[in-house]
Amino acid sequence: MDIRPIPYDHPDAVKLNDEVQAEYVERYGEGDLTAMDPAHFEPPHGLYLLAYDAQGRPVASGGWRSQKQSETGYSDGDAEIKRMFVIRDARGQGLARQILAALEDSARAAGRVRMVLETGTEQPEAITLYTSSGYAPVPKFGLYRFEESSRCYAKPLA
């Protein structure tokens, strides 16, 4: 696999984002309504990665964006994971774990102190990935903090 930084609004990133949104609709009945801006993922304040298979097809994505103390539950120094996704026929190859490790390394190098993420109960494979990678439950934050199905996790980067 070829994992490389890509702008969040690159056509390949948009294609995978459309696919992840369709999967959210399948699982939750609607897409993710979190406000996203391509500038959020520009280094050194963030990073967006795509994985390409041997045929040059985009098969996985993930990014992080800087967060700071806010009324929605973030803390100074947080790096929030967004749009972790692997297309169905590329799952089970460890791509999400590779992208997650690269995101953690990038956020650490940028001076972020904690990785945070929000997922949901309809994504048990995501919960398994994060908990097996050292993420622990934390109080809910972000747009979905009042949703029953929301689950939030964090991992120190130190």
N, C-alpha and C. Protein backbone atom coordinates (compact mmCIF):
# COMPACT_ATOMS: atom_id res chain seq x y z
N MET A 1 0.83 -1.19 0.00
CA MET A 1 0.00 0.00 0.00
C MET A 1 0.87 1.25 0.00
N ASP A 2 0.37 2.24 -0.65
CA ASP A 2 1.02 3.54 -0.73
C ASP A 2 0.16 4.52 0.06
N ILE A 3 0.64 4.94 1.22
CA ILE A 3 -0.09 5.90 2.06
C ILE A 3 0.58 7.25 1.88
N ARG A 4 -0.24 8.24 1.49
CA ARG A 4 0.34 9.56 1.25
C ARG A 4 -0.58 10.68 1.71
N PRO A 5 0.03 11.83 2.07
CA PRO A 5 -0.79 13.00 2.42
C PRO A 5 -1.47 13.54 1.18
N ILE A 6 -2.74 13.90 1.34
CA ILE A 6 -3.57 14.40 0.25
C ILE A 6 -4.44 15.53 0.82
N PRO A 7 -4.66 16.59 0.07
CA PRO A 7 -5.60 17.61 0.57
C PRO A 7 -7.00 17.01 0.77
N TYR A 8 -7.68 17.47 1.78
CA TYR A 8 -9.02 16.96 2.11
C TYR A 8 -10.00 17.14 0.96
N ASP A 9 -9.79 18.15 0.12
CA ASP A 9 -10.70 18.39 -0.99
C ASP A 9 -10.19 17.82 -2.33
N HIS A 10 -9.15 17.01 -2.30
CA HIS A 10 -8.66 16.32 -3.50
C HIS A 10 -9.77 15.38 -4.01
N PRO A 11 -9.92 15.21 -5.31
CA PRO A 11 -11.00 14.36 -5.83
C PRO A 11 -11.03 12.94 -5.25
N ASP A 12 -9.86 12.33 -5.01
CA ASP A 12 -9.85 10.99 -4.41
C ASP A 12 -10.37 11.02 -2.98
N ALA A 13 -10.03 12.08 -2.24
CA ALA A 13 -10.51 12.22 -0.87
C ALA A 13 -12.02 12.45 -0.86
N VAL A 14 -12.50 13.26 -1.79
CA VAL A 14 -13.93 13.52 -1.89
C VAL A 14 -14.68 12.22 -2.20
N LYS A 15 -14.12 11.41 -3.09
CA LYS A 15 -14.74 10.13 -3.44
C LYS A 15 -14.88 9.24 -2.21
N LEU A 16 -13.80 9.09 -1.42
CA LEU A 16 -13.88 8.25 -0.23
C LEU A 16 -14.78 8.87 0.83
N ASN A 17 -14.78 10.20 0.92
CA ASN A 17 -15.68 10.85 1.88
C ASN A 17 -17.13 10.57 1.51
N ASP A 18 -17.45 10.59 0.22
CA ASP A 18 -18.81 10.26 -0.21
C ASP A 18 -19.17 8.83 0.18
N GLU A 19 -18.20 7.91 0.06
CA GLU A 19 -18.44 6.51 0.43
C GLU A 19 -18.65 6.36 1.93
N VAL A 20 -17.84 7.05 2.73
CA VAL A 20 -18.02 6.93 4.19
C VAL A 20 -19.35 7.55 4.61
N GLN A 21 -19.74 8.64 3.97
CA GLN A 21 -21.03 9.25 4.30
C GLN A 21 -22.18 8.29 3.97
N ALA A 22 -22.07 7.58 2.84
CA ALA A 22 -23.10 6.60 2.48
C ALA A 22 -23.15 5.48 3.51
N GLU A 23 -21.99 5.08 4.02
CA GLU A 23 -21.99 4.04 5.05
C GLU A 23 -22.61 4.56 6.35
N TYR A 24 -22.35 5.82 6.70
CA TYR A 24 -23.00 6.39 7.89
C TYR A 24 -24.52 6.38 7.73
N VAL A 25 -25.00 6.70 6.53
CA VAL A 25 -26.44 6.68 6.28
C VAL A 25 -26.98 5.26 6.48
N GLU A 26 -26.26 4.25 5.99
CA GLU A 26 -26.68 2.85 6.20
C GLU A 26 -26.76 2.51 7.69
N ARG A 27 -25.77 2.94 8.43
CA ARG A 27 -25.65 2.54 9.84
C ARG A 27 -26.48 3.40 10.78
N TYR A 28 -26.58 4.70 10.50
CA TYR A 28 -27.21 5.63 11.44
C TYR A 28 -28.45 6.34 10.89
N GLY A 29 -28.69 6.21 9.60
CA GLY A 29 -29.84 6.87 9.01
C GLY A 29 -29.55 8.26 8.48
N GLU A 30 -28.33 8.78 8.71
CA GLU A 30 -27.91 10.07 8.17
C GLU A 30 -26.39 10.13 8.15
N GLY A 31 -25.85 11.05 7.34
CA GLY A 31 -24.41 11.25 7.29
C GLY A 31 -23.92 12.02 8.50
N ASP A 32 -22.62 12.15 8.61
CA ASP A 32 -22.00 12.93 9.68
C ASP A 32 -22.17 14.41 9.36
N LEU A 33 -22.78 15.14 10.27
CA LEU A 33 -23.07 16.56 10.06
C LEU A 33 -21.98 17.49 10.62
N THR A 34 -20.89 16.91 11.12
CA THR A 34 -19.80 17.71 11.66
C THR A 34 -19.24 18.63 10.59
N ALA A 35 -19.07 19.90 10.92
CA ALA A 35 -18.50 20.86 9.97
C ALA A 35 -17.05 20.49 9.68
N MET A 36 -16.74 20.42 8.39
CA MET A 36 -15.39 20.06 7.97
C MET A 36 -14.91 21.10 6.97
N ASP A 37 -13.67 21.49 7.10
CA ASP A 37 -13.06 22.47 6.20
C ASP A 37 -11.72 21.90 5.76
N PRO A 38 -11.42 21.90 4.47
CA PRO A 38 -10.12 21.38 4.03
C PRO A 38 -8.93 22.00 4.77
N ALA A 39 -9.05 23.27 5.15
CA ALA A 39 -7.96 23.94 5.86
C ALA A 39 -7.67 23.29 7.22
N HIS A 40 -8.65 22.61 7.81
CA HIS A 40 -8.43 21.94 9.10
C HIS A 40 -7.34 20.88 9.02
N PHE A 41 -7.11 20.34 7.83
CA PHE A 41 -6.20 19.21 7.67
C PHE A 41 -4.87 19.60 7.03
N GLU A 42 -4.59 20.90 6.98
CA GLU A 42 -3.33 21.37 6.42
C GLU A 42 -2.26 21.38 7.50
N PRO A 43 -1.09 20.74 7.23
CA PRO A 43 0.00 20.78 8.20
C PRO A 43 0.41 22.22 8.48
N PRO A 44 0.84 22.55 9.66
CA PRO A 44 1.08 21.65 10.79
C PRO A 44 -0.12 21.48 11.72
N HIS A 45 -1.28 21.96 11.32
CA HIS A 45 -2.47 21.92 12.19
C HIS A 45 -3.34 20.71 11.93
N GLY A 46 -2.91 19.85 11.04
CA GLY A 46 -3.66 18.67 10.71
C GLY A 46 -2.99 17.91 9.59
N LEU A 47 -3.60 16.80 9.22
CA LEU A 47 -3.07 15.97 8.14
C LEU A 47 -4.20 15.07 7.64
N TYR A 48 -4.23 14.86 6.34
CA TYR A 48 -5.19 13.93 5.76
C TYR A 48 -4.43 12.94 4.91
N LEU A 49 -4.68 11.65 5.11
CA LEU A 49 -3.97 10.59 4.41
C LEU A 49 -4.93 9.74 3.59
N LEU A 50 -4.44 9.28 2.45
CA LEU A 50 -5.14 8.28 1.65
C LEU A 50 -4.19 7.13 1.41
N ALA A 51 -4.75 5.92 1.40
CA ALA A 51 -3.99 4.73 1.02
C ALA A 51 -4.46 4.32 -0.37
N TYR A 52 -3.49 4.02 -1.22
CA TYR A 52 -3.76 3.56 -2.58
C TYR A 52 -3.28 2.13 -2.74
N ASP A 53 -4.07 1.31 -3.45
CA ASP A 53 -3.65 -0.07 -3.69
C ASP A 53 -2.69 -0.11 -4.88
N ALA A 54 -2.25 -1.32 -5.25
CA ALA A 54 -1.26 -1.48 -6.32
C ALA A 54 -1.76 -0.97 -7.68
N GLN A 55 -3.08 -0.90 -7.85
CA GLN A 55 -3.65 -0.39 -9.09
C GLN A 55 -3.87 1.12 -9.06
N GLY A 56 -3.46 1.78 -7.97
CA GLY A 56 -3.62 3.22 -7.85
C GLY A 56 -5.00 3.67 -7.41
N ARG A 57 -5.78 2.72 -6.91
CA ARG A 57 -7.15 3.02 -6.48
C ARG A 57 -7.14 3.47 -5.01
N PRO A 58 -7.80 4.60 -4.66
CA PRO A 58 -7.88 5.00 -3.25
C PRO A 58 -8.76 4.02 -2.48
N VAL A 59 -8.21 3.46 -1.40
CA VAL A 59 -8.94 2.42 -0.67
C VAL A 59 -9.14 2.72 0.82
N ALA A 60 -8.45 3.72 1.34
CA ALA A 60 -8.59 4.03 2.77
C ALA A 60 -8.22 5.48 3.01
N SER A 61 -8.80 6.03 4.08
CA SER A 61 -8.53 7.43 4.42
C SER A 61 -8.51 7.61 5.92
N GLY A 62 -7.98 8.75 6.33
CA GLY A 62 -8.01 9.16 7.73
C GLY A 62 -7.28 10.47 7.88
N GLY A 63 -7.73 11.25 8.84
CA GLY A 63 -7.08 12.53 9.08
C GLY A 63 -7.15 12.93 10.53
N TRP A 64 -6.40 13.96 10.85
CA TRP A 64 -6.53 14.59 12.17
C TRP A 64 -6.51 16.09 11.97
N ARG A 65 -7.18 16.77 12.91
CA ARG A 65 -7.21 18.23 12.91
C ARG A 65 -7.03 18.71 14.34
N SER A 66 -6.36 19.84 14.50
CA SER A 66 -6.10 20.41 15.82
C SER A 66 -7.39 20.89 16.46
N GLN A 67 -7.46 20.71 17.75
CA GLN A 67 -8.56 21.23 18.55
C GLN A 67 -7.97 21.97 19.74
N LYS A 68 -8.77 22.82 20.33
CA LYS A 68 -8.36 23.55 21.53
C LYS A 68 -9.53 23.56 22.50
N GLN A 69 -9.27 23.99 23.70
CA GLN A 69 -10.29 24.05 24.76
C GLN A 69 -11.55 24.70 24.24
N SER A 70 -12.69 24.04 24.45
CA SER A 70 -13.95 24.60 23.98
C SER A 70 -15.11 24.11 24.84
N GLU A 71 -16.23 24.76 24.66
CA GLU A 71 -17.44 24.38 25.39
C GLU A 71 -18.00 23.05 24.89
N THR A 72 -17.51 22.55 23.76
CA THR A 72 -17.99 21.27 23.26
C THR A 72 -17.16 20.09 23.77
N GLY A 73 -16.20 20.36 24.68
CA GLY A 73 -15.51 19.29 25.36
C GLY A 73 -14.09 18.98 24.92
N TYR A 74 -13.55 19.72 23.96
CA TYR A 74 -12.17 19.50 23.55
C TYR A 74 -11.22 20.15 24.55
N SER A 75 -9.95 19.72 24.51
CA SER A 75 -8.92 20.30 25.36
C SER A 75 -7.80 20.86 24.51
N ASP A 76 -7.07 21.83 25.05
CA ASP A 76 -5.90 22.35 24.34
C ASP A 76 -4.94 21.20 24.06
N GLY A 77 -4.41 21.17 22.86
CA GLY A 77 -3.45 20.14 22.48
C GLY A 77 -4.07 18.90 21.87
N ASP A 78 -5.40 18.86 21.75
CA ASP A 78 -6.05 17.70 21.15
C ASP A 78 -5.83 17.66 19.64
N ALA A 79 -5.70 16.45 19.12
CA ALA A 79 -5.72 16.16 17.69
C ALA A 79 -6.91 15.23 17.49
N GLU A 80 -7.89 15.70 16.74
CA GLU A 80 -9.12 14.92 16.55
C GLU A 80 -9.05 14.11 15.27
N ILE A 81 -9.25 12.81 15.39
CA ILE A 81 -9.28 11.92 14.24
C ILE A 81 -10.62 12.06 13.53
N LYS A 82 -10.57 12.17 12.22
CA LYS A 82 -11.77 12.27 11.39
C LYS A 82 -11.62 11.40 10.15
N ARG A 83 -12.75 10.92 9.66
CA ARG A 83 -12.89 10.22 8.39
C ARG A 83 -12.00 9.00 8.21
N MET A 84 -11.79 8.26 9.31
CA MET A 84 -11.12 6.96 9.18
C MET A 84 -12.08 6.05 8.42
N PHE A 85 -11.60 5.49 7.32
CA PHE A 85 -12.48 4.67 6.49
C PHE A 85 -11.65 3.78 5.59
N VAL A 86 -12.13 2.53 5.43
CA VAL A 86 -11.55 1.58 4.49
C VAL A 86 -12.70 1.04 3.64
N ILE A 87 -12.52 1.05 2.31
CA ILE A 87 -13.58 0.52 1.46
C ILE A 87 -13.78 -0.97 1.76
N ARG A 88 -14.98 -1.45 1.51
CA ARG A 88 -15.34 -2.81 1.92
C ARG A 88 -14.39 -3.88 1.39
N ASP A 89 -14.01 -3.82 0.13
CA ASP A 89 -13.19 -4.91 -0.40
C ASP A 89 -11.71 -4.81 -0.03
N ALA A 90 -11.34 -3.79 0.75
CA ALA A 90 -9.96 -3.67 1.23
C ALA A 90 -9.86 -3.86 2.75
N ARG A 91 -10.95 -4.18 3.38
CA ARG A 91 -10.94 -4.36 4.84
C ARG A 91 -10.24 -5.66 5.23
N GLY A 92 -9.73 -5.69 6.44
CA GLY A 92 -9.06 -6.88 6.95
C GLY A 92 -7.59 -6.98 6.58
N GLN A 93 -7.03 -5.92 6.01
CA GLN A 93 -5.61 -5.92 5.62
C GLN A 93 -4.74 -5.07 6.54
N GLY A 94 -5.33 -4.51 7.59
CA GLY A 94 -4.57 -3.68 8.52
C GLY A 94 -4.37 -2.24 8.07
N LEU A 95 -5.11 -1.81 7.06
CA LEU A 95 -4.94 -0.44 6.55
C LEU A 95 -5.31 0.61 7.59
N ALA A 96 -6.42 0.42 8.26
CA ALA A 96 -6.85 1.40 9.27
C ALA A 96 -5.79 1.53 10.36
N ARG A 97 -5.22 0.42 10.77
CA ARG A 97 -4.19 0.44 11.82
C ARG A 97 -2.94 1.19 11.33
N GLN A 98 -2.57 1.00 10.05
CA GLN A 98 -1.41 1.71 9.49
C GLN A 98 -1.67 3.21 9.42
N ILE A 99 -2.85 3.58 8.96
CA ILE A 99 -3.19 5.01 8.87
C ILE A 99 -3.25 5.61 10.26
N LEU A 100 -3.85 4.91 11.21
CA LEU A 100 -3.94 5.42 12.59
C LEU A 100 -2.54 5.67 13.16
N ALA A 101 -1.61 4.74 12.97
CA ALA A 101 -0.25 4.92 13.48
C ALA A 101 0.42 6.13 12.82
N ALA A 102 0.23 6.30 11.52
CA ALA A 102 0.82 7.45 10.83
C ALA A 102 0.22 8.76 11.32
N LEU A 103 -1.08 8.77 11.57
CA LEU A 103 -1.72 9.98 12.10
C LEU A 103 -1.19 10.31 13.49
N GLU A 104 -1.06 9.30 14.34
CA GLU A 104 -0.52 9.53 15.68
C GLU A 104 0.89 10.10 15.61
N ASP A 105 1.74 9.53 14.75
CA ASP A 105 3.12 10.03 14.61
C ASP A 105 3.14 11.48 14.14
N SER A 106 2.29 11.80 13.18
CA SER A 106 2.22 13.15 12.66
C SER A 106 1.75 14.15 13.72
N ALA A 107 0.70 13.79 14.44
CA ALA A 107 0.17 14.68 15.48
C ALA A 107 1.20 14.88 16.60
N ARG A 108 1.89 13.83 16.97
CA ARG A 108 2.93 13.93 18.00
C ARG A 108 4.02 14.88 17.52
N ALA A 109 4.47 14.72 16.27
CA ALA A 109 5.52 15.58 15.71
C ALA A 109 5.07 17.04 15.63
N ALA A 110 3.76 17.27 15.49
CA ALA A 110 3.22 18.63 15.43
C ALA A 110 2.99 19.22 16.81
N GLY A 111 3.32 18.48 17.87
CA GLY A 111 3.19 19.00 19.23
C GLY A 111 1.85 18.76 19.89
N ARG A 112 1.00 17.99 19.27
CA ARG A 112 -0.29 17.63 19.89
C ARG A 112 -0.02 16.67 21.04
N VAL A 113 -0.84 16.73 22.08
CA VAL A 113 -0.59 15.92 23.27
C VAL A 113 -1.57 14.76 23.45
N ARG A 114 -2.69 14.81 22.72
CA ARG A 114 -3.70 13.76 22.89
C ARG A 114 -4.47 13.60 21.59
N MET A 115 -4.67 12.33 21.20
CA MET A 115 -5.55 12.02 20.07
C MET A 115 -6.93 11.76 20.64
N VAL A 116 -7.96 12.31 20.01
CA VAL A 116 -9.33 12.10 20.43
C VAL A 116 -10.17 11.72 19.21
N LEU A 117 -11.26 11.03 19.45
CA LEU A 117 -12.14 10.66 18.36
C LEU A 117 -13.52 10.38 18.89
N GLU A 118 -14.49 10.50 17.99
CA GLU A 118 -15.87 10.15 18.27
C GLU A 118 -16.30 9.13 17.24
N THR A 119 -16.91 8.06 17.72
CA THR A 119 -17.48 7.05 16.84
C THR A 119 -18.84 6.69 17.42
N GLY A 120 -19.41 5.61 16.96
CA GLY A 120 -20.74 5.26 17.45
C GLY A 120 -20.92 3.77 17.63
N THR A 121 -21.98 3.42 18.31
CA THR A 121 -22.25 2.03 18.62
C THR A 121 -22.52 1.18 17.39
N GLU A 122 -22.87 1.80 16.26
CA GLU A 122 -23.11 1.04 15.03
C GLU A 122 -21.82 0.79 14.24
N GLN A 123 -20.68 1.12 14.85
CA GLN A 123 -19.38 0.87 14.24
C GLN A 123 -18.51 0.06 15.20
N PRO A 124 -18.93 -1.17 15.51
CA PRO A 124 -18.17 -1.97 16.48
C PRO A 124 -16.75 -2.27 16.04
N GLU A 125 -16.51 -2.38 14.74
CA GLU A 125 -15.15 -2.64 14.27
C GLU A 125 -14.25 -1.44 14.54
N ALA A 126 -14.78 -0.24 14.47
CA ALA A 126 -13.99 0.96 14.79
C ALA A 126 -13.66 0.98 16.28
N ILE A 127 -14.64 0.68 17.10
CA ILE A 127 -14.41 0.64 18.55
C ILE A 127 -13.33 -0.39 18.88
N THR A 128 -13.37 -1.55 18.24
CA THR A 128 -12.35 -2.57 18.46
C THR A 128 -10.97 -2.08 18.04
N LEU A 129 -10.89 -1.43 16.87
CA LEU A 129 -9.60 -0.89 16.41
C LEU A 129 -9.04 0.08 17.45
N TYR A 130 -9.84 1.02 17.87
CA TYR A 130 -9.33 2.06 18.77
C TYR A 130 -8.97 1.50 20.14
N THR A 131 -9.82 0.69 20.72
CA THR A 131 -9.50 0.16 22.06
C THR A 131 -8.28 -0.76 22.00
N SER A 132 -8.12 -1.52 20.93
CA SER A 132 -6.95 -2.39 20.81
C SER A 132 -5.68 -1.60 20.49
N SER A 133 -5.83 -0.33 20.14
CA SER A 133 -4.70 0.55 19.85
C SER A 133 -4.39 1.49 21.01
N GLY A 134 -4.98 1.24 22.16
CA GLY A 134 -4.65 2.02 23.36
C GLY A 134 -5.56 3.19 23.66
N TYR A 135 -6.67 3.32 22.95
CA TYR A 135 -7.62 4.40 23.21
C TYR A 135 -8.57 3.97 24.33
N ALA A 136 -8.88 4.92 25.20
CA ALA A 136 -9.77 4.65 26.34
C ALA A 136 -10.97 5.58 26.27
N PRO A 137 -12.12 5.13 26.77
CA PRO A 137 -13.31 5.99 26.79
C PRO A 137 -13.06 7.27 27.59
N VAL A 138 -13.62 8.37 27.10
CA VAL A 138 -13.54 9.67 27.78
C VAL A 138 -14.92 10.31 27.74
N PRO A 139 -15.14 11.35 28.55
CA PRO A 139 -16.43 12.05 28.45
C PRO A 139 -16.67 12.53 27.03
N LYS A 140 -17.92 12.50 26.62
CA LYS A 140 -18.28 12.85 25.25
C LYS A 140 -17.97 14.31 24.94
N PHE A 141 -17.61 14.55 23.68
CA PHE A 141 -17.29 15.89 23.18
C PHE A 141 -17.84 16.02 21.77
N GLY A 142 -17.79 17.21 21.24
CA GLY A 142 -18.14 17.43 19.84
C GLY A 142 -19.63 17.50 19.57
N LEU A 143 -19.96 17.50 18.29
CA LEU A 143 -21.34 17.67 17.83
C LEU A 143 -22.28 16.62 18.39
N TYR A 144 -21.82 15.39 18.52
CA TYR A 144 -22.70 14.29 18.91
C TYR A 144 -22.61 13.94 20.40
N ARG A 145 -22.12 14.85 21.20
CA ARG A 145 -21.90 14.55 22.62
C ARG A 145 -23.18 14.24 23.39
N PHE A 146 -24.33 14.62 22.87
CA PHE A 146 -25.58 14.33 23.57
C PHE A 146 -26.32 13.13 22.98
N GLU A 147 -25.74 12.50 21.97
CA GLU A 147 -26.36 11.35 21.32
C GLU A 147 -26.07 10.07 22.11
N GLU A 148 -27.09 9.27 22.34
CA GLU A 148 -26.94 8.01 23.08
C GLU A 148 -25.95 7.08 22.41
N SER A 149 -25.96 7.02 21.08
CA SER A 149 -25.09 6.07 20.38
C SER A 149 -23.64 6.54 20.23
N SER A 150 -23.34 7.76 20.63
CA SER A 150 -22.00 8.31 20.50
C SER A 150 -21.06 7.71 21.55
N ARG A 151 -19.82 7.46 21.11
CA ARG A 151 -18.76 7.00 22.00
C ARG A 151 -17.51 7.81 21.68
N CYS A 152 -16.85 8.31 22.72
CA CYS A 152 -15.64 9.11 22.55
C CYS A 152 -14.46 8.42 23.23
N TYR A 153 -13.30 8.53 22.59
CA TYR A 153 -12.09 7.87 23.06
C TYR A 153 -10.91 8.83 22.94
N ALA A 154 -9.86 8.57 23.73
CA ALA A 154 -8.66 9.39 23.67
C ALA A 154 -7.45 8.52 23.99
N LYS A 155 -6.30 9.01 23.52
CA LYS A 155 -5.02 8.35 23.78
C LYS A 155 -3.96 9.44 23.93
N PRO A 156 -3.21 9.42 25.04
CA PRO A 156 -2.12 10.38 25.17
C PRO A 156 -1.04 10.11 24.12
N LEU A 157 -0.42 11.17 23.64
CA LEU A 157 0.62 11.01 22.64
C LEU A 157 2.02 11.08 23.22
N ALA A 158 2.15 11.38 24.50
CA ALA A 158 3.47 11.50 25.12
C ALA A 158 4.15 10.15 25.23
